[in-house]
Amino acid sequence: MEMAMIHKLRQLNRMVALAVGFGLLACAAFVLTDIIMRRIGTSLGGTEEIAGYAMALATSWGMAYTLLELGHVRIDLLRSRGSSFTRAMFDLFSMIVTSAVIITIAIKAWPVLERSLTNGSRANTPLETPLAWVQMPWFAGWVWFAVVSTLTTLAALSLIVKRRYADTESIVGAFAEVETLQ
């Protein structure tokens, strides 16, 4: 059950990663077009602002993908020297801490969006972008990361209780070690 859930989350996150990737490509094309236009004496304007928004969205939505692909940086000095049970416990601890931090970020991100919605806030830039337009998908990305992180933590906990340490390592272990174990 746990592995099927993680597989489904990985599939969903791959689709999200593709959408984010296409969004970044579109942003890069927009910036490139603006650069070319500047060479002929005109400009689209706002490329820095839009690129900043794209990076914020890519970050919030890309974190869940990175988590499930074991791409987050970890220091594994102690973990790598332990038994499979010890590694599983370090992995579970890191997931609990990660989930707690991400849930806190998602909770703290809501008042930012709420204030923008309440006040009708706009960017203090020439585009005067309604901030809620950017903050809604940004907030949703953090909530998605919190959900994925929590579900992954619960799956890891369930696998540890069942003493399936190798499966635990495949979903929350360190990427470099997973490669050498296979």
N, C-alpha and C. Protein backbone atom coordinates (compact mmCIF):
# COMPACT_ATOMS: atom_id res chain seq x y z
N MET A 1 0.81 -1.19 0.00
CA MET A 1 0.00 0.00 0.00
C MET A 1 0.87 1.26 0.00
N GLU A 2 1.88 1.26 0.88
CA GLU A 2 2.74 2.44 0.98
C GLU A 2 3.47 2.71 -0.33
N MET A 3 3.99 1.66 -0.91
CA MET A 3 4.76 1.82 -2.15
C MET A 3 3.86 2.25 -3.31
N ALA A 4 2.62 1.77 -3.32
CA ALA A 4 1.67 2.17 -4.36
C ALA A 4 1.35 3.67 -4.22
N MET A 5 1.19 4.13 -2.98
CA MET A 5 0.92 5.54 -2.76
C MET A 5 2.11 6.40 -3.21
N ILE A 6 3.31 5.98 -2.85
CA ILE A 6 4.50 6.74 -3.24
C ILE A 6 4.64 6.74 -4.76
N HIS A 7 4.35 5.61 -5.39
CA HIS A 7 4.41 5.54 -6.86
C HIS A 7 3.42 6.54 -7.48
N LYS A 8 2.21 6.60 -6.93
CA LYS A 8 1.19 7.53 -7.45
C LYS A 8 1.64 8.99 -7.23
N LEU A 9 2.20 9.28 -6.06
CA LEU A 9 2.69 10.63 -5.80
C LEU A 9 3.83 10.99 -6.76
N ARG A 10 4.70 10.02 -7.03
CA ARG A 10 5.79 10.28 -7.99
C ARG A 10 5.24 10.58 -9.38
N GLN A 11 4.22 9.84 -9.79
CA GLN A 11 3.61 10.11 -11.10
C GLN A 11 3.01 11.51 -11.14
N LEU A 12 2.26 11.88 -10.11
CA LEU A 12 1.67 13.22 -10.06
C LEU A 12 2.75 14.29 -10.08
N ASN A 13 3.80 14.07 -9.31
CA ASN A 13 4.87 15.07 -9.24
C ASN A 13 5.66 15.17 -10.54
N ARG A 14 5.75 14.09 -11.29
CA ARG A 14 6.40 14.18 -12.60
C ARG A 14 5.58 15.06 -13.55
N MET A 15 4.25 14.94 -13.47
CA MET A 15 3.41 15.81 -14.29
C MET A 15 3.55 17.26 -13.86
N VAL A 16 3.60 17.50 -12.56
CA VAL A 16 3.79 18.86 -12.04
C VAL A 16 5.15 19.39 -12.51
N ALA A 17 6.18 18.55 -12.41
CA ALA A 17 7.53 18.97 -12.82
C ALA A 17 7.57 19.33 -14.31
N LEU A 18 6.86 18.57 -15.13
CA LEU A 18 6.80 18.90 -16.56
C LEU A 18 6.11 20.23 -16.79
N ALA A 19 5.00 20.45 -16.09
CA ALA A 19 4.29 21.73 -16.23
C ALA A 19 5.17 22.88 -15.78
N VAL A 20 5.86 22.71 -14.67
CA VAL A 20 6.76 23.76 -14.18
C VAL A 20 7.90 23.98 -15.17
N GLY A 21 8.43 22.90 -15.70
CA GLY A 21 9.51 23.00 -16.69
C GLY A 21 9.07 23.77 -17.93
N PHE A 22 7.88 23.47 -18.43
CA PHE A 22 7.36 24.21 -19.58
C PHE A 22 7.15 25.68 -19.24
N GLY A 23 6.69 25.94 -18.01
CA GLY A 23 6.53 27.33 -17.57
C GLY A 23 7.87 28.06 -17.53
N LEU A 24 8.91 27.39 -17.06
CA LEU A 24 10.24 28.01 -17.03
C LEU A 24 10.78 28.23 -18.45
N LEU A 25 10.50 27.28 -19.35
CA LEU A 25 10.91 27.47 -20.75
C LEU A 25 10.19 28.67 -21.37
N ALA A 26 8.91 28.79 -21.08
CA ALA A 26 8.16 29.94 -21.59
C ALA A 26 8.72 31.24 -21.02
N CYS A 27 9.08 31.22 -19.74
CA CYS A 27 9.66 32.41 -19.12
C CYS A 27 11.00 32.74 -19.76
N ALA A 28 11.81 31.72 -20.01
CA ALA A 28 13.10 31.94 -20.66
C ALA A 28 12.91 32.52 -22.07
N ALA A 29 11.91 32.02 -22.81
CA ALA A 29 11.63 32.55 -24.15
C ALA A 29 11.18 34.01 -24.06
N PHE A 30 10.39 34.32 -23.05
CA PHE A 30 9.94 35.70 -22.83
C PHE A 30 11.13 36.62 -22.56
N VAL A 31 12.02 36.19 -21.68
CA VAL A 31 13.21 36.98 -21.35
C VAL A 31 14.10 37.14 -22.58
N LEU A 32 14.29 36.05 -23.32
CA LEU A 32 15.12 36.10 -24.53
C LEU A 32 14.52 37.07 -25.55
N THR A 33 13.20 37.01 -25.72
CA THR A 33 12.54 37.94 -26.63
C THR A 33 12.76 39.39 -26.19
N ASP A 34 12.67 39.63 -24.89
CA ASP A 34 12.89 40.98 -24.38
C ASP A 34 14.34 41.43 -24.63
N ILE A 35 15.28 40.54 -24.44
CA ILE A 35 16.69 40.88 -24.68
C ILE A 35 16.92 41.24 -26.15
N ILE A 36 16.34 40.45 -27.04
CA ILE A 36 16.48 40.72 -28.47
C ILE A 36 15.82 42.06 -28.82
N MET A 37 14.66 42.29 -28.23
CA MET A 37 13.95 43.55 -28.51
C MET A 37 14.74 44.75 -28.00
N ARG A 38 15.44 44.59 -26.89
CA ARG A 38 16.26 45.70 -26.36
C ARG A 38 17.38 46.06 -27.34
N ARG A 39 17.87 45.07 -28.06
CA ARG A 39 18.93 45.33 -29.04
C ARG A 39 18.44 46.20 -30.20
N ILE A 40 17.12 46.17 -30.45
CA ILE A 40 16.58 47.00 -31.54
C ILE A 40 15.88 48.25 -31.01
N GLY A 41 16.06 48.53 -29.70
CA GLY A 41 15.60 49.79 -29.15
C GLY A 41 14.24 49.79 -28.49
N THR A 42 13.64 48.64 -28.23
CA THR A 42 12.35 48.57 -27.55
C THR A 42 12.42 47.47 -26.49
N SER A 43 11.35 47.31 -25.74
CA SER A 43 11.35 46.29 -24.69
C SER A 43 9.92 45.90 -24.34
N LEU A 44 9.75 44.67 -23.90
CA LEU A 44 8.45 44.22 -23.41
C LEU A 44 8.19 44.79 -22.02
N GLY A 45 9.23 44.90 -21.22
CA GLY A 45 9.12 45.41 -19.85
C GLY A 45 8.57 44.36 -18.91
N GLY A 46 9.02 44.41 -17.69
CA GLY A 46 8.51 43.51 -16.66
C GLY A 46 9.12 42.12 -16.65
N THR A 47 10.13 41.90 -17.47
CA THR A 47 10.69 40.55 -17.53
C THR A 47 11.31 40.13 -16.19
N GLU A 48 11.94 41.07 -15.49
CA GLU A 48 12.56 40.73 -14.21
C GLU A 48 11.49 40.30 -13.21
N GLU A 49 10.39 41.03 -13.20
CA GLU A 49 9.29 40.72 -12.29
C GLU A 49 8.68 39.35 -12.61
N ILE A 50 8.40 39.12 -13.86
CA ILE A 50 7.78 37.86 -14.26
C ILE A 50 8.73 36.69 -14.02
N ALA A 51 10.02 36.87 -14.29
CA ALA A 51 11.00 35.82 -14.04
C ALA A 51 11.07 35.51 -12.54
N GLY A 52 11.00 36.52 -11.71
CA GLY A 52 10.99 36.31 -10.26
C GLY A 52 9.78 35.51 -9.81
N TYR A 53 8.62 35.84 -10.37
CA TYR A 53 7.42 35.08 -10.05
C TYR A 53 7.57 33.63 -10.50
N ALA A 54 8.11 33.44 -11.69
CA ALA A 54 8.29 32.07 -12.22
C ALA A 54 9.22 31.26 -11.31
N MET A 55 10.28 31.89 -10.81
CA MET A 55 11.20 31.18 -9.94
C MET A 55 10.53 30.82 -8.60
N ALA A 56 9.72 31.72 -8.07
CA ALA A 56 9.02 31.43 -6.81
C ALA A 56 8.05 30.25 -7.00
N LEU A 57 7.34 30.25 -8.10
CA LEU A 57 6.41 29.16 -8.38
C LEU A 57 7.14 27.85 -8.62
N ALA A 58 8.22 27.90 -9.39
CA ALA A 58 9.01 26.69 -9.67
C ALA A 58 9.57 26.11 -8.37
N THR A 59 10.00 26.97 -7.48
CA THR A 59 10.54 26.49 -6.21
C THR A 59 9.47 25.82 -5.37
N SER A 60 8.35 26.48 -5.18
CA SER A 60 7.33 25.90 -4.30
C SER A 60 6.78 24.59 -4.87
N TRP A 61 6.58 24.52 -6.17
CA TRP A 61 6.03 23.30 -6.76
C TRP A 61 7.10 22.23 -6.99
N GLY A 62 8.35 22.64 -7.18
CA GLY A 62 9.41 21.67 -7.46
C GLY A 62 9.92 20.93 -6.25
N MET A 63 9.67 21.46 -5.06
CA MET A 63 10.20 20.83 -3.85
C MET A 63 9.64 19.43 -3.62
N ALA A 64 8.36 19.21 -3.87
CA ALA A 64 7.76 17.89 -3.66
C ALA A 64 8.36 16.87 -4.62
N TYR A 65 8.57 17.29 -5.86
CA TYR A 65 9.21 16.40 -6.84
C TYR A 65 10.61 16.02 -6.36
N THR A 66 11.37 17.00 -5.92
CA THR A 66 12.73 16.76 -5.46
C THR A 66 12.74 15.83 -4.26
N LEU A 67 11.78 15.99 -3.37
CA LEU A 67 11.69 15.11 -2.20
C LEU A 67 11.53 13.66 -2.61
N LEU A 68 10.59 13.40 -3.51
CA LEU A 68 10.31 12.02 -3.90
C LEU A 68 11.39 11.42 -4.80
N GLU A 69 12.18 12.26 -5.42
CA GLU A 69 13.29 11.77 -6.24
C GLU A 69 14.58 11.72 -5.43
N LEU A 70 14.47 11.91 -4.12
CA LEU A 70 15.60 11.86 -3.18
C LEU A 70 16.68 12.86 -3.54
N GLY A 71 16.26 14.04 -3.96
CA GLY A 71 17.21 15.04 -4.43
C GLY A 71 17.59 16.11 -3.44
N HIS A 72 16.99 16.11 -2.25
CA HIS A 72 17.35 17.12 -1.26
C HIS A 72 18.70 16.79 -0.64
N VAL A 73 19.46 17.80 -0.35
CA VAL A 73 20.81 17.63 0.20
C VAL A 73 20.71 17.19 1.65
N ARG A 74 21.52 16.19 1.98
CA ARG A 74 21.59 15.72 3.37
C ARG A 74 23.04 15.42 3.71
N ILE A 75 23.36 15.55 4.98
CA ILE A 75 24.68 15.18 5.47
C ILE A 75 24.54 13.82 6.12
N ASP A 76 25.18 12.82 5.54
CA ASP A 76 24.95 11.44 5.93
C ASP A 76 26.13 10.78 6.61
N LEU A 77 26.95 11.54 7.30
CA LEU A 77 28.13 10.99 7.94
C LEU A 77 27.79 9.85 8.90
N LEU A 78 26.87 10.10 9.82
CA LEU A 78 26.49 9.07 10.79
C LEU A 78 25.58 8.02 10.16
N ARG A 79 24.63 8.47 9.36
CA ARG A 79 23.64 7.58 8.77
C ARG A 79 24.28 6.48 7.95
N SER A 80 25.28 6.84 7.16
CA SER A 80 25.88 5.88 6.24
C SER A 80 26.64 4.77 6.97
N ARG A 81 26.97 4.97 8.22
CA ARG A 81 27.74 3.97 8.98
C ARG A 81 26.86 3.03 9.79
N GLY A 82 25.55 3.25 9.74
CA GLY A 82 24.66 2.45 10.57
C GLY A 82 24.06 1.26 9.85
N SER A 83 23.36 0.45 10.63
CA SER A 83 22.64 -0.69 10.06
C SER A 83 21.44 -0.20 9.27
N SER A 84 20.74 -1.10 8.63
CA SER A 84 19.56 -0.69 7.86
C SER A 84 18.50 -0.09 8.79
N PHE A 85 18.37 -0.61 10.00
CA PHE A 85 17.43 -0.05 10.97
C PHE A 85 17.85 1.38 11.37
N THR A 86 19.14 1.55 11.63
CA THR A 86 19.65 2.88 12.01
C THR A 86 19.43 3.88 10.88
N ARG A 87 19.72 3.48 9.65
CA ARG A 87 19.50 4.37 8.50
C ARG A 87 18.03 4.73 8.38
N ALA A 88 17.17 3.74 8.57
CA ALA A 88 15.72 3.98 8.48
C ALA A 88 15.28 4.97 9.56
N MET A 89 15.84 4.87 10.74
CA MET A 89 15.47 5.80 11.82
C MET A 89 15.97 7.21 11.53
N PHE A 90 17.19 7.34 11.00
CA PHE A 90 17.69 8.66 10.59
C PHE A 90 16.80 9.24 9.49
N ASP A 91 16.44 8.39 8.54
CA ASP A 91 15.57 8.85 7.44
C ASP A 91 14.22 9.31 7.96
N LEU A 92 13.65 8.54 8.87
CA LEU A 92 12.36 8.91 9.45
C LEU A 92 12.49 10.23 10.21
N PHE A 93 13.54 10.38 10.99
CA PHE A 93 13.75 11.63 11.73
C PHE A 93 13.86 12.80 10.76
N SER A 94 14.62 12.64 9.68
CA SER A 94 14.77 13.74 8.72
C SER A 94 13.44 14.07 8.06
N MET A 95 12.62 13.07 7.82
CA MET A 95 11.31 13.33 7.22
C MET A 95 10.36 14.03 8.20
N ILE A 96 10.44 13.66 9.46
CA ILE A 96 9.60 14.32 10.46
C ILE A 96 9.97 15.79 10.56
N VAL A 97 11.27 16.07 10.59
CA VAL A 97 11.73 17.46 10.67
C VAL A 97 11.34 18.21 9.40
N THR A 98 11.56 17.59 8.24
CA THR A 98 11.20 18.22 6.97
C THR A 98 9.71 18.53 6.93
N SER A 99 8.90 17.57 7.29
CA SER A 99 7.44 17.78 7.28
C SER A 99 7.04 18.91 8.21
N ALA A 100 7.64 18.94 9.40
CA ALA A 100 7.30 20.00 10.35
C ALA A 100 7.66 21.38 9.79
N VAL A 101 8.83 21.48 9.18
CA VAL A 101 9.25 22.77 8.61
C VAL A 101 8.33 23.18 7.46
N ILE A 102 8.02 22.25 6.58
CA ILE A 102 7.20 22.57 5.41
C ILE A 102 5.76 22.90 5.82
N ILE A 103 5.24 22.19 6.79
CA ILE A 103 3.89 22.52 7.28
C ILE A 103 3.90 23.93 7.87
N THR A 104 4.95 24.26 8.60
CA THR A 104 5.06 25.61 9.17
C THR A 104 5.12 26.66 8.07
N ILE A 105 5.90 26.40 7.02
CA ILE A 105 5.98 27.35 5.91
C ILE A 105 4.61 27.53 5.26
N ALA A 106 3.91 26.41 5.03
CA ALA A 106 2.59 26.50 4.40
C ALA A 106 1.62 27.29 5.28
N ILE A 107 1.67 27.04 6.58
CA ILE A 107 0.78 27.77 7.50
C ILE A 107 1.12 29.26 7.50
N LYS A 108 2.40 29.58 7.53
CA LYS A 108 2.84 30.99 7.56
C LYS A 108 2.63 31.68 6.22
N ALA A 109 2.53 30.92 5.13
CA ALA A 109 2.31 31.52 3.81
C ALA A 109 0.86 31.99 3.65
N TRP A 110 -0.07 31.35 4.35
CA TRP A 110 -1.47 31.72 4.20
C TRP A 110 -1.74 33.18 4.55
N PRO A 111 -1.26 33.71 5.68
CA PRO A 111 -1.55 35.12 5.97
C PRO A 111 -1.03 36.09 4.90
N VAL A 112 0.05 35.72 4.24
CA VAL A 112 0.58 36.56 3.16
C VAL A 112 -0.45 36.65 2.04
N LEU A 113 -0.95 35.49 1.62
CA LEU A 113 -1.97 35.46 0.57
C LEU A 113 -3.26 36.12 1.04
N GLU A 114 -3.68 35.82 2.25
CA GLU A 114 -4.92 36.39 2.78
C GLU A 114 -4.88 37.92 2.80
N ARG A 115 -3.74 38.47 3.21
CA ARG A 115 -3.60 39.93 3.26
C ARG A 115 -3.69 40.51 1.85
N SER A 116 -3.08 39.85 0.89
CA SER A 116 -3.14 40.34 -0.50
C SER A 116 -4.57 40.29 -1.03
N LEU A 117 -5.29 39.22 -0.69
CA LEU A 117 -6.68 39.11 -1.13
C LEU A 117 -7.55 40.17 -0.47
N THR A 118 -7.37 40.35 0.81
CA THR A 118 -8.17 41.32 1.57
C THR A 118 -7.92 42.74 1.09
N ASN A 119 -6.65 43.08 0.90
CA ASN A 119 -6.29 44.45 0.54
C ASN A 119 -6.29 44.70 -0.97
N GLY A 120 -6.44 43.67 -1.76
CA GLY A 120 -6.33 43.84 -3.21
C GLY A 120 -4.93 44.32 -3.58
N SER A 121 -3.93 43.80 -2.89
CA SER A 121 -2.54 44.28 -3.06
C SER A 121 -2.03 44.06 -4.47
N ARG A 122 -1.24 45.02 -4.92
CA ARG A 122 -0.60 44.95 -6.23
C ARG A 122 0.89 45.18 -6.05
N ALA A 123 1.66 44.64 -6.97
CA ALA A 123 3.10 44.82 -6.92
C ALA A 123 3.44 46.29 -7.11
N ASN A 124 4.46 46.74 -6.42
CA ASN A 124 4.93 48.12 -6.54
C ASN A 124 5.91 48.20 -7.71
N THR A 125 5.41 47.87 -8.89
CA THR A 125 6.22 47.84 -10.11
C THR A 125 5.39 48.45 -11.24
N PRO A 126 6.00 48.70 -12.38
CA PRO A 126 5.22 49.23 -13.50
C PRO A 126 4.08 48.31 -13.95
N LEU A 127 4.22 47.00 -13.77
CA LEU A 127 3.14 46.08 -14.17
C LEU A 127 1.96 46.10 -13.20
N GLU A 128 2.22 46.50 -11.95
CA GLU A 128 1.19 46.52 -10.91
C GLU A 128 0.40 45.21 -10.87
N THR A 129 1.13 44.11 -10.89
CA THR A 129 0.52 42.79 -10.88
C THR A 129 -0.27 42.57 -9.59
N PRO A 130 -1.52 42.10 -9.69
CA PRO A 130 -2.23 41.72 -8.46
C PRO A 130 -1.46 40.57 -7.79
N LEU A 131 -1.01 40.81 -6.57
CA LEU A 131 -0.15 39.84 -5.91
C LEU A 131 -0.83 38.50 -5.68
N ALA A 132 -2.12 38.50 -5.49
CA ALA A 132 -2.84 37.24 -5.25
C ALA A 132 -2.72 36.30 -6.46
N TRP A 133 -2.60 36.85 -7.66
CA TRP A 133 -2.46 36.00 -8.85
C TRP A 133 -1.22 35.13 -8.76
N VAL A 134 -0.18 35.66 -8.19
CA VAL A 134 1.07 34.91 -8.05
C VAL A 134 1.09 34.14 -6.74
N GLN A 135 0.57 34.73 -5.70
CA GLN A 135 0.63 34.10 -4.39
C GLN A 135 -0.27 32.88 -4.25
N MET A 136 -1.38 32.84 -5.00
CA MET A 136 -2.25 31.66 -4.92
C MET A 136 -1.54 30.39 -5.39
N PRO A 137 -0.97 30.37 -6.58
CA PRO A 137 -0.25 29.15 -6.98
C PRO A 137 1.01 28.91 -6.14
N TRP A 138 1.65 29.97 -5.68
CA TRP A 138 2.83 29.83 -4.80
C TRP A 138 2.42 29.14 -3.51
N PHE A 139 1.34 29.61 -2.90
CA PHE A 139 0.82 29.00 -1.67
C PHE A 139 0.40 27.55 -1.92
N ALA A 140 -0.29 27.31 -3.02
CA ALA A 140 -0.72 25.95 -3.35
C ALA A 140 0.48 25.01 -3.49
N GLY A 141 1.58 25.51 -4.03
CA GLY A 141 2.79 24.69 -4.14
C GLY A 141 3.33 24.30 -2.78
N TRP A 142 3.33 25.22 -1.83
CA TRP A 142 3.80 24.89 -0.48
C TRP A 142 2.86 23.92 0.21
N VAL A 143 1.55 24.09 0.01
CA VAL A 143 0.59 23.15 0.59
C VAL A 143 0.80 21.77 -0.02
N TRP A 144 1.00 21.70 -1.33
CA TRP A 144 1.25 20.42 -1.99
C TRP A 144 2.50 19.76 -1.42
N PHE A 145 3.56 20.52 -1.24
CA PHE A 145 4.79 19.99 -0.67
C PHE A 145 4.53 19.47 0.74
N ALA A 146 3.74 20.19 1.54
CA ALA A 146 3.42 19.75 2.90
C ALA A 146 2.63 18.44 2.88
N VAL A 147 1.68 18.33 1.97
CA VAL A 147 0.89 17.10 1.85
C VAL A 147 1.78 15.93 1.44
N VAL A 148 2.59 16.13 0.41
CA VAL A 148 3.48 15.06 -0.07
C VAL A 148 4.47 14.66 1.01
N SER A 149 5.04 15.63 1.69
CA SER A 149 6.00 15.35 2.75
C SER A 149 5.35 14.56 3.90
N THR A 150 4.17 14.96 4.28
CA THR A 150 3.46 14.27 5.37
C THR A 150 3.10 12.85 4.97
N LEU A 151 2.56 12.68 3.77
CA LEU A 151 2.21 11.33 3.32
C LEU A 151 3.45 10.44 3.20
N THR A 152 4.55 11.00 2.73
CA THR A 152 5.79 10.24 2.62
C THR A 152 6.31 9.85 4.00
N THR A 153 6.22 10.76 4.95
CA THR A 153 6.64 10.46 6.32
C THR A 153 5.79 9.34 6.91
N LEU A 154 4.48 9.41 6.70
CA LEU A 154 3.60 8.36 7.21
C LEU A 154 3.88 7.01 6.54
N ALA A 155 4.17 7.04 5.24
CA ALA A 155 4.52 5.80 4.54
C ALA A 155 5.82 5.22 5.10
N ALA A 156 6.81 6.08 5.33
CA ALA A 156 8.08 5.61 5.89
C ALA A 156 7.87 5.03 7.28
N LEU A 157 7.07 5.68 8.11
CA LEU A 157 6.78 5.18 9.44
C LEU A 157 6.11 3.81 9.38
N SER A 158 5.15 3.67 8.49
CA SER A 158 4.46 2.39 8.31
C SER A 158 5.43 1.29 7.87
N LEU A 159 6.32 1.62 6.96
CA LEU A 159 7.30 0.62 6.50
C LEU A 159 8.26 0.23 7.61
N ILE A 160 8.66 1.18 8.43
CA ILE A 160 9.55 0.87 9.55
C ILE A 160 8.85 -0.04 10.55
N VAL A 161 7.59 0.26 10.85
CA VAL A 161 6.83 -0.59 11.77
C VAL A 161 6.75 -2.01 11.22
N LYS A 162 6.66 -2.15 9.91
CA LYS A 162 6.60 -3.47 9.27
C LYS A 162 7.99 -4.07 9.05
N ARG A 163 9.03 -3.35 9.48
CA ARG A 163 10.43 -3.78 9.36
C ARG A 163 10.87 -3.94 7.90
N ARG A 164 10.35 -3.11 7.04
CA ARG A 164 10.72 -3.12 5.62
C ARG A 164 11.69 -1.98 5.38
N TYR A 165 12.88 -2.10 5.94
CA TYR A 165 13.86 -1.02 5.93
C TYR A 165 14.38 -0.69 4.52
N ALA A 166 14.52 -1.69 3.67
CA ALA A 166 14.99 -1.43 2.30
C ALA A 166 13.97 -0.59 1.54
N ASP A 167 12.69 -0.88 1.75
CA ASP A 167 11.64 -0.08 1.11
C ASP A 167 11.64 1.34 1.66
N THR A 168 11.88 1.46 2.97
CA THR A 168 11.96 2.79 3.57
C THR A 168 13.06 3.59 2.92
N GLU A 169 14.21 2.95 2.75
CA GLU A 169 15.35 3.65 2.15
C GLU A 169 15.06 4.06 0.71
N SER A 170 14.27 3.28 0.00
CA SER A 170 13.99 3.62 -1.40
C SER A 170 13.06 4.82 -1.54
N ILE A 171 12.33 5.17 -0.47
CA ILE A 171 11.43 6.33 -0.58
C ILE A 171 11.91 7.55 0.18
N VAL A 172 12.75 7.37 1.21
CA VAL A 172 13.22 8.53 1.97
C VAL A 172 14.72 8.48 2.27
N GLY A 173 15.43 7.56 1.64
CA GLY A 173 16.86 7.43 1.89
C GLY A 173 17.66 8.51 1.17
N ALA A 174 18.95 8.35 1.24
CA ALA A 174 19.86 9.27 0.57
C ALA A 174 20.11 8.79 -0.85
N PHE A 175 20.00 9.67 -1.82
CA PHE A 175 20.11 9.32 -3.23
C PHE A 175 21.41 8.59 -3.56
N ALA A 176 22.53 9.08 -3.08
CA ALA A 176 23.82 8.49 -3.41
C ALA A 176 23.90 7.06 -2.91
N GLU A 177 23.36 6.79 -1.73
CA GLU A 177 23.41 5.43 -1.21
C GLU A 177 22.43 4.53 -1.93
N VAL A 178 21.28 5.03 -2.30
CA VAL A 178 20.33 4.22 -3.03
C VAL A 178 20.96 3.74 -4.32
N GLU A 179 21.70 4.62 -4.99
CA GLU A 179 22.37 4.21 -6.24
C GLU A 179 23.37 3.09 -5.99
N THR A 180 24.12 3.17 -4.90
CA THR A 180 25.14 2.14 -4.66
C THR A 180 24.53 0.86 -4.15
N LEU A 181 23.34 0.92 -3.55
CA LEU A 181 22.70 -0.28 -3.06
C LEU A 181 22.04 -1.08 -4.17
N GLN A 182 21.74 -0.45 -5.28
CA GLN A 182 21.03 -1.15 -6.36
C GLN A 182 21.98 -1.80 -7.32
